[in-house]
Amino acid sequence: MQGDITEQHVDAVVNAANSSLLGGGGVDGAIHRRGGPEILAECRRLRDTRYGKGLPAGEAVATTAGRLPARWVVHTVGPVHSASEDRSAVLVSCYTRSLEVADELGATSVAFPAISTGVYRWPMEDAARIAVETALGASTGVRTCRFVLFDAPAYAAFERALSAGRG
């Protein structure tokens, strides 16, 4: 769907985070702003304990959703796109690990953004293909997997990927 991921009434919203877990721009900034200080407080605790060097790309970890209408935020760090190195496996891992964390939480509905397509410059068509193929092929208890896209071109890319994935 095209819309605002911070308005999704789901069990878990996936945040396209940066490794610091302390907020940033794009989806990350929007989730932290709308979710409020509770999310940042839990992210700081994660940095002080488990992820002192930051969350590695391809990994995922959950926090409260704070003031969002979701129950949890699953933070994942996407790879920066490279024309000279295939980092597709890391992007696949973002979706796979996010669904695994959602399963651990008991979440049955998850909303994903288009991970790595903003400042990390992953081409939208390829990102959509990877996201849809990974979600369709996942072994998970999540029954509703929603891709929430910010604009019409992203929505169209995910529609094409979904049509191809179901073909």
C-alpha atoms as a PDB file:
ATOM      1  CA  MET A   1       0.000   0.000   0.000  1.00  0.00           C
ATOM      2  CA  GLN A   2       1.050   3.581  -0.470  1.00  0.00           C
ATOM      3  CA  GLY A   3       1.050   5.478   2.801  1.00  0.00           C
ATOM      4  CA  ASP A   4       2.755   6.376   6.048  1.00  0.00           C
ATOM      5  CA  ILE A   5       4.335   3.451   7.894  1.00  0.00           C
ATOM      6  CA  THR A   6       4.006   5.287  11.217  1.00  0.00           C
ATOM      7  CA  GLU A   7       0.206   5.069  10.934  1.00  0.00           C
ATOM      8  CA  GLN A   8       0.008   1.285  10.535  1.00  0.00           C
ATOM      9  CA  HIS A   9      -2.120  -0.671  13.005  1.00  0.00           C
ATOM     10  CA  VAL A  10      -0.041  -3.859  12.982  1.00  0.00           C
ATOM     11  CA  ASP A  11       1.781  -5.883  15.589  1.00  0.00           C
ATOM     12  CA  ALA A  12       5.218  -4.805  14.340  1.00  0.00           C
ATOM     13  CA  VAL A  13       6.503  -1.999  12.169  1.00  0.00           C
ATOM     14  CA  VAL A  14       9.905  -2.553  10.596  1.00  0.00           C
ATOM     15  CA  ASN A  15      12.287   0.374  10.800  1.00  0.00           C
ATOM     16  CA  ALA A  16      14.925   0.863   8.113  1.00  0.00           C
ATOM     17  CA  ALA A  17      17.389   1.938  10.793  1.00  0.00           C
ATOM     18  CA  ASN A  18      20.994   2.988  10.696  1.00  0.00           C
ATOM     19  CA  SER A  19      23.487   0.989  12.718  1.00  0.00           C
ATOM     20  CA  SER A  20      23.551   3.513  15.572  1.00  0.00           C
ATOM     21  CA  LEU A  21      19.876   2.740  16.356  1.00  0.00           C
ATOM     22  CA  LEU A  22      19.593   6.348  17.532  1.00  0.00           C
ATOM     23  CA  GLY A  23      17.401   7.755  14.777  1.00  0.00           C
ATOM     24  CA  GLY A  24      18.208   9.389  11.499  1.00  0.00           C
ATOM     25  CA  GLY A  25      16.435  10.506   8.355  1.00  0.00           C
ATOM     26  CA  GLY A  26      13.741   8.956   6.192  1.00  0.00           C
ATOM     27  CA  VAL A  27      11.721   6.099   7.691  1.00  0.00           C
ATOM     28  CA  ASP A  28      14.066   5.901  10.689  1.00  0.00           C
ATOM     29  CA  GLY A  29      13.558   9.543  11.611  1.00  0.00           C
ATOM     30  CA  ALA A  30       9.800   9.360  11.080  1.00  0.00           C
ATOM     31  CA  ILE A  31       9.461   6.306  13.338  1.00  0.00           C
ATOM     32  CA  HIS A  32      11.546   7.882  16.102  1.00  0.00           C
ATOM     33  CA  ARG A  33       9.684  11.215  15.885  1.00  0.00           C
ATOM     34  CA  ARG A  34       6.209   9.701  15.902  1.00  0.00           C
ATOM     35  CA  GLY A  35       7.037   6.874  18.315  1.00  0.00           C
ATOM     36  CA  GLY A  36       8.509   9.227  20.880  1.00  0.00           C
ATOM     37  CA  PRO A  37      11.268   8.964  23.470  1.00  0.00           C
ATOM     38  CA  GLU A  38      10.373   5.426  24.566  1.00  0.00           C
ATOM     39  CA  ILE A  39      11.845   3.982  21.353  1.00  0.00           C
ATOM     40  CA  LEU A  40      15.038   6.005  21.680  1.00  0.00           C
ATOM     41  CA  ALA A  41      15.397   4.988  25.341  1.00  0.00           C
ATOM     42  CA  GLU A  42      15.231   1.282  24.448  1.00  0.00           C
ATOM     43  CA  CYS A  43      17.622   1.792  21.528  1.00  0.00           C
ATOM     44  CA  ARG A  44      20.094   3.484  23.870  1.00  0.00           C
ATOM     45  CA  ARG A  45      19.857   0.522  26.253  1.00  0.00           C
ATOM     46  CA  LEU A  46      20.584  -1.828  23.345  1.00  0.00           C
ATOM     47  CA  ARG A  47      23.635   0.267  22.428  1.00  0.00           C
ATOM     48  CA  ASP A  48      24.815   0.235  26.056  1.00  0.00           C
ATOM     49  CA  THR A  49      24.461  -3.543  26.323  1.00  0.00           C
ATOM     50  CA  ARG A  50      24.114  -5.852  23.341  1.00  0.00           C
ATOM     51  CA  TYR A  51      25.084  -3.616  20.407  1.00  0.00           C
ATOM     52  CA  GLY A  52      27.895  -1.398  21.649  1.00  0.00           C
ATOM     53  CA  LYS A  53      29.316  -1.107  18.135  1.00  0.00           C
ATOM     54  CA  GLY A  54      25.880  -0.707  16.564  1.00  0.00           C
ATOM     55  CA  LEU A  55      23.472  -3.109  14.904  1.00  0.00           C
ATOM     56  CA  PRO A  56      25.178  -4.910  12.001  1.00  0.00           C
ATOM     57  CA  ALA A  57      23.659  -4.693   8.521  1.00  0.00           C
ATOM     58  CA  GLY A  58      21.271  -7.561   7.880  1.00  0.00           C
ATOM     59  CA  GLU A  59      20.429  -8.052  11.562  1.00  0.00           C
ATOM     60  CA  ALA A  60      17.200  -7.110  13.364  1.00  0.00           C
ATOM     61  CA  VAL A  61      16.202  -6.286  16.927  1.00  0.00           C
ATOM     62  CA  ALA A  62      12.903  -5.228  18.518  1.00  0.00           C
ATOM     63  CA  THR A  63      11.908  -2.395  20.817  1.00  0.00           C
ATOM     64  CA  THR A  64       8.651  -0.958  22.028  1.00  0.00           C
ATOM     65  CA  ALA A  65       6.671   1.029  19.464  1.00  0.00           C
ATOM     66  CA  GLY A  66       6.204   3.873  21.914  1.00  0.00           C
ATOM     67  CA  ARG A  67       3.397   6.118  20.661  1.00  0.00           C
ATOM     68  CA  LEU A  68       2.971   4.329  17.333  1.00  0.00           C
ATOM     69  CA  PRO A  69      -0.249   2.338  16.818  1.00  0.00           C
ATOM     70  CA  ALA A  70       1.871  -0.832  16.507  1.00  0.00           C
ATOM     71  CA  ARG A  71       3.028  -2.953  19.457  1.00  0.00           C
ATOM     72  CA  TRP A  72       6.695  -3.207  18.483  1.00  0.00           C
ATOM     73  CA  VAL A  73       9.301  -1.733  16.180  1.00  0.00           C
ATOM     74  CA  VAL A  74      11.693  -4.187  14.562  1.00  0.00           C
ATOM     75  CA  HIS A  75      14.842  -2.285  13.631  1.00  0.00           C
ATOM     76  CA  THR A  76      16.962  -3.598  10.768  1.00  0.00           C
ATOM     77  CA  VAL A  77      19.966  -2.092   9.022  1.00  0.00           C
ATOM     78  CA  GLY A  78      19.964  -2.425   5.272  1.00  0.00           C
ATOM     79  CA  PRO A  79      23.072  -2.525   3.132  1.00  0.00           C
ATOM     80  CA  VAL A  80      24.326   0.422   1.116  1.00  0.00           C
ATOM     81  CA  HIS A  81      23.965  -0.454  -2.564  1.00  0.00           C
ATOM     82  CA  SER A  82      27.210  -1.102  -4.418  1.00  0.00           C
ATOM     83  CA  ALA A  83      27.658  -1.408  -8.167  1.00  0.00           C
ATOM     84  CA  SER A  84      30.883  -3.394  -7.637  1.00  0.00           C
ATOM     85  CA  GLU A  85      29.824  -5.793  -4.852  1.00  0.00           C
ATOM     86  CA  ASP A  86      26.674  -7.925  -4.635  1.00  0.00           C
ATOM     87  CA  ARG A  87      25.114  -7.212  -1.246  1.00  0.00           C
ATOM     88  CA  SER A  88      21.752  -8.800  -2.057  1.00  0.00           C
ATOM     89  CA  ALA A  89      22.171 -11.467   0.630  1.00  0.00           C
ATOM     90  CA  VAL A  90      22.372  -8.747   3.277  1.00  0.00           C
ATOM     91  CA  LEU A  91      19.139  -7.182   2.031  1.00  0.00           C
ATOM     92  CA  VAL A  92      17.466 -10.617   2.035  1.00  0.00           C
ATOM     93  CA  SER A  93      18.692 -11.035   5.618  1.00  0.00           C
ATOM     94  CA  CYS A  94      16.999  -7.771   6.649  1.00  0.00           C
ATOM     95  CA  TYR A  95      13.615  -9.173   5.675  1.00  0.00           C
ATOM     96  CA  THR A  96      14.321 -12.703   6.932  1.00  0.00           C
ATOM     97  CA  ARG A  97      15.683 -11.591  10.307  1.00  0.00           C
ATOM     98  CA  SER A  98      12.854  -9.068  10.751  1.00  0.00           C
ATOM     99  CA  LEU A  99      10.296 -11.841  10.226  1.00  0.00           C
ATOM    100  CA  GLU A 100      12.200 -14.112  12.619  1.00  0.00           C
ATOM    101  CA  VAL A 101      12.177 -11.398  15.292  1.00  0.00           C
ATOM    102  CA  ALA A 102       8.455 -10.841  14.642  1.00  0.00           C
ATOM    103  CA  ASP A 103       7.916 -14.579  15.149  1.00  0.00           C
ATOM    104  CA  GLU A 104       9.838 -14.465  18.439  1.00  0.00           C
ATOM    105  CA  LEU A 105       7.531 -11.666  19.593  1.00  0.00           C
ATOM    106  CA  GLY A 106       4.402 -13.553  18.531  1.00  0.00           C
ATOM    107  CA  ALA A 107       3.535 -10.913  15.944  1.00  0.00           C
ATOM    108  CA  THR A 108       1.118 -11.960  13.221  1.00  0.00           C
ATOM    109  CA  SER A 109       1.052  -8.691  11.269  1.00  0.00           C
ATOM    110  CA  VAL A 110       4.086  -6.735  10.071  1.00  0.00           C
ATOM    111  CA  ALA A 111       4.515  -3.553   8.021  1.00  0.00           C
ATOM    112  CA  PHE A 112       7.739  -3.134   6.035  1.00  0.00           C
ATOM    113  CA  PRO A 113       9.191  -0.089   4.305  1.00  0.00           C
ATOM    114  CA  ALA A 114      11.326  -0.415   1.169  1.00  0.00           C
ATOM    115  CA  ILE A 115      14.595  -1.131   3.004  1.00  0.00           C
ATOM    116  CA  SER A 116      17.803   0.440   1.638  1.00  0.00           C
ATOM    117  CA  THR A 117      16.066   2.398  -1.134  1.00  0.00           C
ATOM    118  CA  GLY A 118      16.548   5.855   0.366  1.00  0.00           C
ATOM    119  CA  VAL A 119      19.979   7.220   1.212  1.00  0.00           C
ATOM    120  CA  TYR A 120      21.439   3.700   0.788  1.00  0.00           C
ATOM    121  CA  ARG A 121      20.533   4.007  -2.934  1.00  0.00           C
ATOM    122  CA  TRP A 122      19.325   0.459  -3.621  1.00  0.00           C
ATOM    123  CA  PRO A 123      17.486   0.485  -6.988  1.00  0.00           C
ATOM    124  CA  MET A 124      13.757   0.312  -6.281  1.00  0.00           C
ATOM    125  CA  GLU A 125      12.901  -2.425  -8.813  1.00  0.00           C
ATOM    126  CA  ASP A 126      15.566  -4.757  -7.432  1.00  0.00           C
ATOM    127  CA  ALA A 127      14.727  -3.920  -3.815  1.00  0.00           C
ATOM    128  CA  ALA A 128      11.055  -4.657  -4.470  1.00  0.00           C
ATOM    129  CA  ARG A 129      11.886  -7.999  -6.116  1.00  0.00           C
ATOM    130  CA  ILE A 130      14.110  -9.029  -3.191  1.00  0.00           C
ATOM    131  CA  ALA A 131      11.558  -7.925  -0.575  1.00  0.00           C
ATOM    132  CA  VAL A 132       8.596  -9.674  -2.190  1.00  0.00           C
ATOM    133  CA  GLU A 133      10.474 -12.897  -3.019  1.00  0.00           C
ATOM    134  CA  THR A 134      11.846 -13.082   0.521  1.00  0.00           C
ATOM    135  CA  ALA A 135       8.476 -12.462   2.164  1.00  0.00           C
ATOM    136  CA  LEU A 136       6.654 -14.939  -0.081  1.00  0.00           C
ATOM    137  CA  GLY A 137       9.282 -17.606   0.568  1.00  0.00           C
ATOM    138  CA  ALA A 138       9.580 -17.104   4.305  1.00  0.00           C
ATOM    139  CA  SER A 139       8.607 -19.746   6.816  1.00  0.00           C
ATOM    140  CA  THR A 140       6.885 -17.562   9.391  1.00  0.00           C
ATOM    141  CA  GLY A 141       3.877 -17.261  11.656  1.00  0.00           C
ATOM    142  CA  VAL A 142       3.274 -13.750  10.300  1.00  0.00           C
ATOM    143  CA  ARG A 143      -0.060 -13.858   8.466  1.00  0.00           C
ATOM    144  CA  THR A 144      -0.148 -10.271   7.229  1.00  0.00           C
ATOM    145  CA  CYS A 145       2.974  -8.852   5.633  1.00  0.00           C
ATOM    146  CA  ARG A 146       2.322  -5.346   4.358  1.00  0.00           C
ATOM    147  CA  PHE A 147       4.728  -3.238   2.321  1.00  0.00           C
ATOM    148  CA  VAL A 148       4.048   0.423   3.040  1.00  0.00           C
ATOM    149  CA  LEU A 149       5.530   2.579   0.298  1.00  0.00           C
ATOM    150  CA  PHE A 150       5.976   6.315   0.554  1.00  0.00           C
ATOM    151  CA  ASP A 151       5.314   7.301  -3.065  1.00  0.00           C
ATOM    152  CA  ALA A 152       3.660   6.137  -6.298  1.00  0.00           C
ATOM    153  CA  PRO A 153       6.863   4.958  -8.056  1.00  0.00           C
ATOM    154  CA  ALA A 154       7.783   2.720  -5.098  1.00  0.00           C
ATOM    155  CA  TYR A 155       4.231   1.397  -4.910  1.00  0.00           C
ATOM    156  CA  ALA A 156       4.304   0.580  -8.637  1.00  0.00           C
ATOM    157  CA  ALA A 157       7.647  -1.249  -8.304  1.00  0.00           C
ATOM    158  CA  PHE A 158       6.294  -3.397  -5.465  1.00  0.00           C
ATOM    159  CA  GLU A 159       3.072  -4.088  -7.412  1.00  0.00           C
ATOM    160  CA  ARG A 160       5.155  -5.337 -10.355  1.00  0.00           C
ATOM    161  CA  ALA A 161       7.305  -7.488  -8.050  1.00  0.00           C
ATOM    162  CA  LEU A 162       4.215  -8.950  -6.370  1.00  0.00           C
ATOM    163  CA  SER A 163       2.614  -9.752  -9.745  1.00  0.00           C
ATOM    164  CA  ALA A 164       5.817 -11.436 -10.912  1.00  0.00           C
ATOM    165  CA  GLY A 165       6.174 -13.334  -7.606  1.00  0.00           C
ATOM    166  CA  ARG A 166       2.674 -14.746  -7.817  1.00  0.00           C
ATOM    167  CA  GLY A 167       2.978 -15.491 -11.545  1.00  0.00           C
END
